[in-house]
């Protein structure tokens, strides 16, 4: 799935054949086109929307086109591993404690 300003491209599997669709948004309406193997476009339907503008717009977060979290992925992974290890230790202790009493 790709988003470019006011276009949305996607494929739908129709009995083993991929059919490509294009959604085009403008200030007042949404138009859906279907393309064939040759690349010809056919208007499937058009409907009004009430956003009073183009609802799909691509904004660059920064020059590298990275999300805010991407600089700290290693920290997030380390935190998740630490939490997992803590829970494992608690489970092992509970099992050992139960084994000692019984």
N, C-alpha and C. Protein backbone atom coordinates (compact mmCIF):
# COMPACT_ATOMS: atom_id res chain seq x y z
N UNK A 1 0.85 -1.17 0.00
CA UNK A 1 0.00 0.00 0.00
C UNK A 1 0.90 1.24 0.00
N UNK A 2 0.65 2.19 -0.87
CA UNK A 2 1.46 3.39 -0.98
C UNK A 2 0.56 4.62 -0.87
N UNK A 3 1.05 5.64 -0.23
CA UNK A 3 0.31 6.89 -0.12
C UNK A 3 1.18 8.00 -0.72
N UNK A 4 0.70 8.68 -1.72
CA UNK A 4 1.38 9.84 -2.30
C UNK A 4 0.38 10.97 -2.35
N UNK A 5 0.58 11.95 -1.51
CA UNK A 5 -0.29 13.11 -1.43
C UNK A 5 -1.76 12.70 -1.44
N UNK A 6 -2.40 12.69 -2.58
CA UNK A 6 -3.82 12.38 -2.60
C UNK A 6 -4.13 11.11 -3.40
N UNK A 7 -3.17 10.20 -3.53
CA UNK A 7 -3.38 8.94 -4.23
C UNK A 7 -3.17 7.77 -3.30
N UNK A 8 -3.94 6.72 -3.50
CA UNK A 8 -3.82 5.50 -2.73
C UNK A 8 -3.89 4.35 -3.72
N UNK A 9 -2.80 3.56 -3.83
CA UNK A 9 -2.73 2.43 -4.74
C UNK A 9 -2.87 1.14 -3.95
N UNK A 10 -3.65 0.17 -4.45
CA UNK A 10 -3.74 -1.13 -3.79
C UNK A 10 -4.19 -2.18 -4.80
N UNK A 11 -3.92 -3.45 -4.45
CA UNK A 11 -4.30 -4.59 -5.29
C UNK A 11 -5.35 -5.41 -4.55
N UNK A 12 -6.26 -5.99 -5.31
CA UNK A 12 -7.26 -6.92 -4.77
C UNK A 12 -7.20 -8.19 -5.60
N UNK A 13 -7.15 -9.33 -4.92
CA UNK A 13 -7.11 -10.62 -5.61
C UNK A 13 -8.53 -11.00 -6.01
N UNK A 14 -8.76 -11.15 -7.32
CA UNK A 14 -10.08 -11.46 -7.84
C UNK A 14 -9.98 -12.77 -8.63
N UNK A 15 -10.31 -13.88 -7.96
CA UNK A 15 -10.25 -15.22 -8.58
C UNK A 15 -8.86 -15.51 -9.16
N UNK A 16 -7.82 -15.23 -8.36
CA UNK A 16 -6.46 -15.52 -8.80
C UNK A 16 -5.82 -14.44 -9.63
N UNK A 17 -6.57 -13.44 -10.05
CA UNK A 17 -6.01 -12.32 -10.81
C UNK A 17 -5.94 -11.10 -9.92
N UNK A 18 -4.78 -10.45 -9.91
CA UNK A 18 -4.66 -9.22 -9.15
C UNK A 18 -5.22 -8.06 -9.95
N UNK A 19 -6.13 -7.36 -9.33
CA UNK A 19 -6.72 -6.18 -9.95
C UNK A 19 -6.20 -4.97 -9.20
N UNK A 20 -5.62 -4.03 -9.92
CA UNK A 20 -5.06 -2.83 -9.31
C UNK A 20 -6.11 -1.73 -9.25
N UNK A 21 -6.16 -1.07 -8.11
CA UNK A 21 -7.09 0.04 -7.91
C UNK A 21 -6.31 1.29 -7.52
N UNK A 22 -6.86 2.42 -7.90
CA UNK A 22 -6.30 3.72 -7.54
C UNK A 22 -7.43 4.55 -6.96
N UNK A 23 -7.21 5.07 -5.74
CA UNK A 23 -8.15 6.01 -5.16
C UNK A 23 -7.55 7.40 -5.29
N UNK A 24 -8.31 8.30 -5.84
CA UNK A 24 -7.86 9.68 -6.03
C UNK A 24 -8.76 10.59 -5.21
N UNK A 25 -8.16 11.34 -4.30
CA UNK A 25 -8.89 12.28 -3.47
C UNK A 25 -8.61 13.69 -3.96
N UNK A 26 -9.66 14.48 -4.08
CA UNK A 26 -9.47 15.91 -4.29
C UNK A 26 -10.23 16.63 -3.18
N UNK A 27 -10.41 17.91 -3.31
CA UNK A 27 -11.04 18.68 -2.23
C UNK A 27 -12.48 18.27 -1.97
N UNK A 28 -13.16 17.74 -2.97
CA UNK A 28 -14.59 17.48 -2.82
C UNK A 28 -15.00 16.02 -2.94
N UNK A 29 -14.20 15.18 -3.60
CA UNK A 29 -14.68 13.82 -3.87
C UNK A 29 -13.54 12.80 -3.81
N UNK A 30 -13.97 11.55 -3.77
CA UNK A 30 -13.07 10.40 -3.86
C UNK A 30 -13.47 9.63 -5.11
N UNK A 31 -12.50 9.37 -5.98
CA UNK A 31 -12.74 8.62 -7.21
C UNK A 31 -11.92 7.34 -7.15
N UNK A 32 -12.52 6.23 -7.53
CA UNK A 32 -11.82 4.95 -7.55
C UNK A 32 -11.73 4.48 -8.99
N UNK A 33 -10.50 4.19 -9.41
CA UNK A 33 -10.23 3.70 -10.76
C UNK A 33 -9.71 2.28 -10.67
N UNK A 34 -10.05 1.46 -11.68
CA UNK A 34 -9.53 0.11 -11.80
C UNK A 34 -8.65 0.08 -13.04
N UNK A 35 -7.50 -0.60 -12.94
CA UNK A 35 -6.62 -0.70 -14.10
C UNK A 35 -6.56 -2.15 -14.57
N UNK A 36 -6.35 -2.32 -15.86
CA UNK A 36 -6.21 -3.68 -16.41
C UNK A 36 -4.74 -3.96 -16.69
N UNK A 37 -4.48 -5.11 -17.32
CA UNK A 37 -3.09 -5.51 -17.60
C UNK A 37 -2.38 -4.54 -18.51
N UNK A 38 -3.11 -3.91 -19.41
CA UNK A 38 -2.52 -2.97 -20.37
C UNK A 38 -2.20 -1.64 -19.70
N UNK A 39 -2.90 -1.33 -18.62
CA UNK A 39 -2.69 -0.07 -17.92
C UNK A 39 -3.81 0.93 -18.13
N UNK A 40 -4.85 0.50 -18.87
CA UNK A 40 -6.00 1.39 -19.06
C UNK A 40 -6.74 1.55 -17.74
N UNK A 41 -7.23 2.76 -17.48
CA UNK A 41 -7.96 3.03 -16.24
C UNK A 41 -9.44 3.20 -16.53
N UNK A 42 -10.25 2.65 -15.63
CA UNK A 42 -11.70 2.75 -15.74
C UNK A 42 -12.23 3.29 -14.41
N UNK A 43 -13.06 4.32 -14.47
CA UNK A 43 -13.65 4.88 -13.27
C UNK A 43 -14.69 3.91 -12.73
N UNK A 44 -14.48 3.42 -11.50
CA UNK A 44 -15.40 2.46 -10.89
C UNK A 44 -16.52 3.21 -10.19
N UNK A 45 -16.18 4.16 -9.34
CA UNK A 45 -17.21 4.99 -8.72
C UNK A 45 -16.59 6.28 -8.19
N UNK A 46 -17.48 7.20 -7.93
CA UNK A 46 -17.09 8.49 -7.39
C UNK A 46 -18.08 8.84 -6.29
N UNK A 47 -17.54 9.33 -5.17
CA UNK A 47 -18.41 9.73 -4.07
C UNK A 47 -17.87 11.00 -3.43
N UNK A 48 -18.77 11.80 -2.93
CA UNK A 48 -18.37 13.04 -2.26
C UNK A 48 -17.88 12.72 -0.86
N UNK A 49 -16.88 13.47 -0.41
CA UNK A 49 -16.48 13.39 0.99
C UNK A 49 -16.62 14.79 1.58
N UNK A 50 -16.59 14.87 2.87
CA UNK A 50 -16.89 16.14 3.54
C UNK A 50 -15.73 16.61 4.40
N UNK A 51 -14.50 16.32 3.93
CA UNK A 51 -13.31 16.73 4.67
C UNK A 51 -12.92 18.18 4.39
N UNK A 52 -13.47 18.75 3.34
CA UNK A 52 -13.13 20.10 2.89
C UNK A 52 -11.63 20.24 2.66
N UNK A 53 -11.05 19.24 2.08
CA UNK A 53 -9.63 19.23 1.76
C UNK A 53 -9.23 17.82 1.38
N UNK A 54 -7.98 17.65 1.05
CA UNK A 54 -7.47 16.35 0.67
C UNK A 54 -7.12 15.58 1.94
N UNK A 55 -7.75 14.43 2.22
CA UNK A 55 -7.54 13.74 3.49
C UNK A 55 -6.25 12.94 3.58
N UNK A 56 -5.60 12.61 2.47
CA UNK A 56 -4.36 11.84 2.50
C UNK A 56 -3.21 12.72 2.06
N UNK A 57 -2.38 13.08 3.01
CA UNK A 57 -1.23 13.92 2.69
C UNK A 57 -0.02 13.33 3.39
N UNK A 58 1.09 13.25 2.69
CA UNK A 58 2.32 12.69 3.23
C UNK A 58 3.16 13.83 3.81
N UNK A 59 3.47 13.73 5.09
CA UNK A 59 4.31 14.72 5.75
C UNK A 59 5.65 14.09 6.11
N UNK A 60 6.73 14.77 5.78
CA UNK A 60 8.05 14.29 6.16
C UNK A 60 8.28 14.64 7.63
N UNK A 61 8.63 13.64 8.43
CA UNK A 61 8.93 13.87 9.84
C UNK A 61 10.29 14.54 10.00
N UNK A 62 11.25 14.15 9.15
CA UNK A 62 12.60 14.72 9.17
C UNK A 62 13.25 14.43 7.82
N UNK A 63 14.49 14.88 7.66
CA UNK A 63 15.17 14.70 6.37
C UNK A 63 15.44 13.23 6.04
N UNK A 64 15.63 12.39 7.07
CA UNK A 64 15.92 10.98 6.86
C UNK A 64 14.65 10.15 6.64
N UNK A 65 13.48 10.80 6.73
CA UNK A 65 12.19 10.12 6.58
C UNK A 65 12.04 9.00 7.61
N UNK A 66 12.49 9.23 8.84
CA UNK A 66 12.39 8.25 9.91
C UNK A 66 11.31 8.65 10.89
N UNK A 67 10.74 7.65 11.52
CA UNK A 67 9.79 7.91 12.58
C UNK A 67 10.51 8.31 13.85
N UNK A 68 9.78 8.85 14.80
CA UNK A 68 10.39 9.30 16.05
C UNK A 68 11.01 8.16 16.84
N UNK A 69 10.46 6.96 16.75
CA UNK A 69 10.93 5.84 17.54
C UNK A 69 12.16 5.17 16.95
N UNK A 70 12.47 5.40 15.68
CA UNK A 70 13.51 4.62 15.01
C UNK A 70 14.91 4.85 15.59
N UNK A 71 15.15 5.99 16.21
CA UNK A 71 16.45 6.24 16.80
C UNK A 71 16.64 5.48 18.11
N UNK A 72 15.57 4.99 18.71
CA UNK A 72 15.67 4.32 20.02
C UNK A 72 15.18 2.88 19.97
N UNK A 73 15.17 2.27 18.79
CA UNK A 73 14.71 0.88 18.67
C UNK A 73 15.56 -0.05 19.54
N UNK A 74 16.88 0.16 19.57
CA UNK A 74 17.74 -0.71 20.37
C UNK A 74 17.40 -0.58 21.86
N UNK A 75 17.07 0.62 22.32
CA UNK A 75 16.68 0.81 23.72
C UNK A 75 15.35 0.13 24.02
N UNK A 76 14.41 0.22 23.09
CA UNK A 76 13.11 -0.45 23.27
C UNK A 76 13.30 -1.95 23.33
N UNK A 77 14.14 -2.50 22.44
CA UNK A 77 14.40 -3.94 22.45
C UNK A 77 15.05 -4.37 23.75
N UNK A 78 16.00 -3.58 24.26
CA UNK A 78 16.67 -3.92 25.52
C UNK A 78 15.67 -3.89 26.68
N UNK A 79 14.81 -2.90 26.70
CA UNK A 79 13.79 -2.81 27.75
C UNK A 79 12.85 -4.02 27.70
N UNK A 80 12.41 -4.39 26.51
CA UNK A 80 11.53 -5.55 26.37
C UNK A 80 12.21 -6.83 26.83
N UNK A 81 13.50 -7.00 26.48
CA UNK A 81 14.23 -8.19 26.91
C UNK A 81 14.37 -8.21 28.43
N UNK A 82 14.66 -7.06 29.04
CA UNK A 82 14.80 -6.99 30.50
C UNK A 82 13.49 -7.33 31.20
N UNK A 83 12.39 -6.80 30.70
CA UNK A 83 11.09 -7.11 31.30
C UNK A 83 10.77 -8.59 31.16
N UNK A 84 11.10 -9.17 30.02
CA UNK A 84 10.85 -10.58 29.80
C UNK A 84 11.68 -11.42 30.78
N UNK A 85 12.96 -11.05 30.95
CA UNK A 85 13.82 -11.77 31.89
C UNK A 85 13.30 -11.66 33.32
N UNK A 86 12.81 -10.49 33.70
CA UNK A 86 12.27 -10.30 35.04
C UNK A 86 11.08 -11.22 35.28
N UNK A 87 10.19 -11.29 34.30
CA UNK A 87 9.02 -12.17 34.43
C UNK A 87 9.43 -13.64 34.49
N UNK A 88 10.43 -14.01 33.70
CA UNK A 88 10.92 -15.39 33.73
C UNK A 88 11.48 -15.73 35.11
N UNK A 89 12.26 -14.80 35.70
CA UNK A 89 12.82 -15.02 37.03
C UNK A 89 11.71 -15.19 38.07
N UNK A 90 10.67 -14.37 37.97
CA UNK A 90 9.56 -14.47 38.92
C UNK A 90 8.85 -15.81 38.78
N UNK A 91 8.65 -16.26 37.55
CA UNK A 91 8.01 -17.56 37.33
C UNK A 91 8.85 -18.70 37.90
N UNK A 92 10.16 -18.65 37.67
CA UNK A 92 11.05 -19.70 38.18
C UNK A 92 11.05 -19.71 39.70
N UNK A 93 11.05 -18.53 40.32
CA UNK A 93 11.03 -18.46 41.77
C UNK A 93 9.72 -19.02 42.32
N UNK A 94 8.61 -18.68 41.67
CA UNK A 94 7.31 -19.20 42.12
C UNK A 94 7.27 -20.71 42.02
N UNK A 95 7.79 -21.25 40.93
CA UNK A 95 7.81 -22.71 40.77
C UNK A 95 8.68 -23.35 41.85
N UNK A 96 9.85 -22.77 42.12
CA UNK A 96 10.75 -23.33 43.14
C UNK A 96 10.11 -23.22 44.51
N UNK A 97 9.45 -22.13 44.80
CA UNK A 97 8.80 -21.94 46.10
C UNK A 97 7.71 -22.97 46.28
N UNK A 98 6.92 -23.20 45.26
CA UNK A 98 5.87 -24.21 45.36
C UNK A 98 6.45 -25.61 45.55
N UNK A 99 7.57 -25.86 44.91
CA UNK A 99 8.17 -27.17 45.03
C UNK A 99 8.70 -27.40 46.44
N UNK A 100 9.19 -26.37 47.10
CA UNK A 100 9.73 -26.52 48.45
C UNK A 100 8.63 -26.77 49.47
N UNK A 101 7.50 -26.13 49.33
CA UNK A 101 6.42 -26.29 50.29
C UNK A 101 5.75 -27.64 50.13
N UNK A 102 5.52 -28.05 48.95
CA UNK A 102 4.82 -29.31 48.73
C UNK A 102 5.77 -30.46 48.93
